[in-house]
Amino acid sequence: MDKNLHNATMHRFALILVPLLLLPPLAYGQDAVPRSHAMIEAFRPQPLHRIAEAVTDRYEGRIIAAEVRPPLPRERLAGVQLIYEIRLITPQRNLLNIRLDARTGRFLEIAGRGQIEARKRVGNQQ
C-alpha cells in the first residue's frame, strides 16, 4: 500500500514537472516578448542639445534642469516611449516645466506661470 502511494505521488509530481521543463527558459533581464533588432534600432532619441535648442527657440529664459523620464500612461498610449522634462526659468522668474517626446522632439505639455509672456514671437516681430 505504501508503494502504491509513493508511485501515485511521483506520477502527480511528474505531471507537473515535465511541462515546466519543456517551457523555454527566460534569461534574467530579458523580455518575455522578443524584440527585433530593427525595433530597437528604430528608437533613436533626439540629442539633448537639440531638445534644449527647440525649447529656447520657443521660450525666453534659461534652462536650469533637464531629465529623462518614462512617459505617463496617457503619453504611452499616444506612442511616446521616452520623455525629456526641461525646467526653464523665465525672465519674469517664473518656472516652466516642459515635457517633450524624446524621439520626435514634439512638445507634449508646458506647465507653469508666465507661459504666454515667455513665449517668443514667430520671426523677428518682438
Protein backbone atom coordinates (compact mmCIF):
# COMPACT_ATOMS: atom_id res chain seq x y z
CA MET A 1 0.00 0.00 0.00
CA ASP A 2 2.84 2.37 0.86
CA LYS A 3 4.47 1.64 -2.52
CA ASN A 4 1.24 2.49 -4.40
CA LEU A 5 1.00 5.83 -2.57
CA HIS A 6 4.62 6.58 -3.44
CA ASN A 7 4.03 5.76 -7.14
CA ALA A 8 0.89 7.91 -7.26
CA THR A 9 2.73 10.84 -5.70
CA MET A 10 5.63 10.51 -8.14
CA HIS A 11 3.19 10.32 -11.06
CA ARG A 12 1.49 13.58 -9.96
CA PHE A 13 4.86 15.23 -9.46
CA ALA A 14 5.94 14.18 -12.97
CA LEU A 15 2.71 15.54 -14.47
CA ILE A 16 3.56 18.97 -13.01
CA LEU A 17 7.33 18.98 -13.53
CA VAL A 18 7.61 17.73 -17.13
CA PRO A 19 5.55 20.55 -18.73
CA LEU A 20 7.55 23.12 -16.75
CA LEU A 21 10.81 21.68 -18.03
CA LEU A 22 9.56 21.90 -21.60
CA LEU A 23 8.90 25.66 -21.37
CA PRO A 24 11.60 27.80 -22.98
CA PRO A 25 13.86 29.31 -20.37
CA LEU A 26 13.83 33.09 -19.93
CA ALA A 27 17.20 34.60 -19.16
CA TYR A 28 17.33 37.07 -16.32
CA GLY A 29 16.64 40.60 -17.61
CA GLN A 30 15.20 39.54 -20.96
CA ASP A 31 11.73 40.48 -22.14
CA ALA A 32 9.10 37.76 -22.34
CA VAL A 33 8.27 39.19 -25.79
CA PRO A 34 11.31 39.13 -28.04
CA ARG A 35 12.08 42.43 -29.76
CA SER A 36 13.61 42.57 -33.15
CA HIS A 37 16.87 44.38 -33.73
CA ALA A 38 15.01 46.68 -36.14
CA MET A 39 12.56 47.69 -33.39
CA ILE A 40 15.39 48.55 -31.05
CA GLU A 41 17.28 50.46 -33.74
CA ALA A 42 14.10 52.36 -34.72
CA PHE A 43 14.06 54.10 -31.35
CA ARG A 44 16.56 56.93 -31.55
CA PRO A 45 16.03 59.77 -29.07
CA GLN A 46 16.96 63.28 -30.14
CA PRO A 47 20.20 64.55 -28.61
CA LEU A 48 19.57 66.69 -25.56
CA HIS A 49 21.26 69.72 -27.13
CA ARG A 50 18.71 69.64 -29.96
CA ILE A 51 15.82 69.45 -27.49
CA ALA A 52 17.29 72.32 -25.46
CA GLU A 53 17.60 74.38 -28.64
CA ALA A 54 13.94 73.74 -29.51
CA VAL A 55 12.89 74.91 -26.03
CA THR A 56 15.00 78.08 -26.11
CA ASP A 57 13.83 78.82 -29.67
CA ARG A 58 10.25 78.82 -28.39
CA TYR A 59 10.60 80.34 -24.88
CA GLU A 60 12.59 83.19 -23.33
CA GLY A 61 14.56 82.08 -20.32
CA ARG A 62 17.32 79.82 -19.09
CA ILE A 63 17.21 76.05 -18.77
CA ILE A 64 18.04 75.08 -15.20
CA ALA A 65 17.37 71.32 -15.35
CA ALA A 66 16.84 68.52 -17.84
CA GLU A 67 15.83 64.96 -17.02
CA VAL A 68 14.93 61.80 -18.89
CA ARG A 69 11.69 60.26 -17.63
CA PRO A 70 9.35 57.44 -18.56
CA PRO A 71 6.12 58.54 -20.23
CA LEU A 72 2.90 58.92 -18.30
CA PRO A 73 0.18 56.38 -19.18
CA ARG A 74 -1.63 58.86 -21.46
CA GLU A 75 1.65 59.66 -23.25
CA ARG A 76 2.45 55.97 -23.66
CA LEU A 77 -0.98 55.45 -25.24
CA ALA A 78 -0.03 58.13 -27.78
CA GLY A 79 3.08 56.12 -28.72
CA VAL A 80 5.63 58.06 -26.67
CA GLN A 81 8.48 55.88 -25.42
CA LEU A 82 10.68 58.34 -23.53
CA ILE A 83 10.30 61.88 -22.19
CA TYR A 84 12.68 64.80 -21.82
CA GLU A 85 11.50 67.01 -18.98
CA ILE A 86 13.00 70.51 -19.10
CA ARG A 87 12.76 73.16 -16.38
CA LEU A 88 13.13 76.70 -17.63
CA ILE A 89 13.24 79.89 -15.57
CA THR A 90 11.72 82.83 -17.44
CA PRO A 91 12.92 86.45 -17.36
CA GLN A 92 9.95 87.15 -15.05
CA ARG A 93 11.37 84.50 -12.66
CA ASN A 94 8.58 82.02 -13.35
CA LEU A 95 9.33 78.33 -13.62
CA LEU A 96 8.12 76.36 -16.63
CA ASN A 97 8.09 72.58 -16.68
CA ILE A 98 8.19 71.38 -20.29
CA ARG A 99 7.69 67.76 -21.39
CA LEU A 100 8.83 66.67 -24.84
CA ASP A 101 8.82 63.40 -26.75
CA ALA A 102 12.49 62.35 -26.74
CA ARG A 103 12.22 60.66 -30.14
CA THR A 104 10.37 63.34 -32.12
CA GLY A 105 11.04 66.49 -30.08
CA ARG A 106 7.29 67.22 -30.02
CA PHE A 107 6.12 69.44 -27.16
CA LEU A 108 3.67 67.41 -25.07
CA GLU A 109 3.00 69.59 -22.04
CA ILE A 110 4.02 73.00 -20.75
CA ALA A 111 3.12 73.76 -17.14
CA GLY A 112 3.80 76.81 -15.01
CA ARG A 113 3.01 80.51 -14.77
CA GLY A 114 4.05 83.03 -17.38
CA GLN A 115 3.91 80.78 -20.41
CA ILE A 116 2.42 83.45 -22.65
CA GLU A 117 4.87 86.15 -21.54
CA ALA A 118 7.84 83.81 -22.05
CA ARG A 119 6.72 82.63 -25.47
CA LYS A 120 8.88 84.06 -28.25
CA ARG A 121 7.17 85.63 -31.21
CA VAL A 122 7.44 83.94 -34.60
CA GLY A 123 10.09 85.63 -36.72
CA ASN A 124 11.59 88.96 -35.60
CA GLN A 125 8.34 90.62 -34.54
CA GLN A 126 9.42 91.12 -30.94
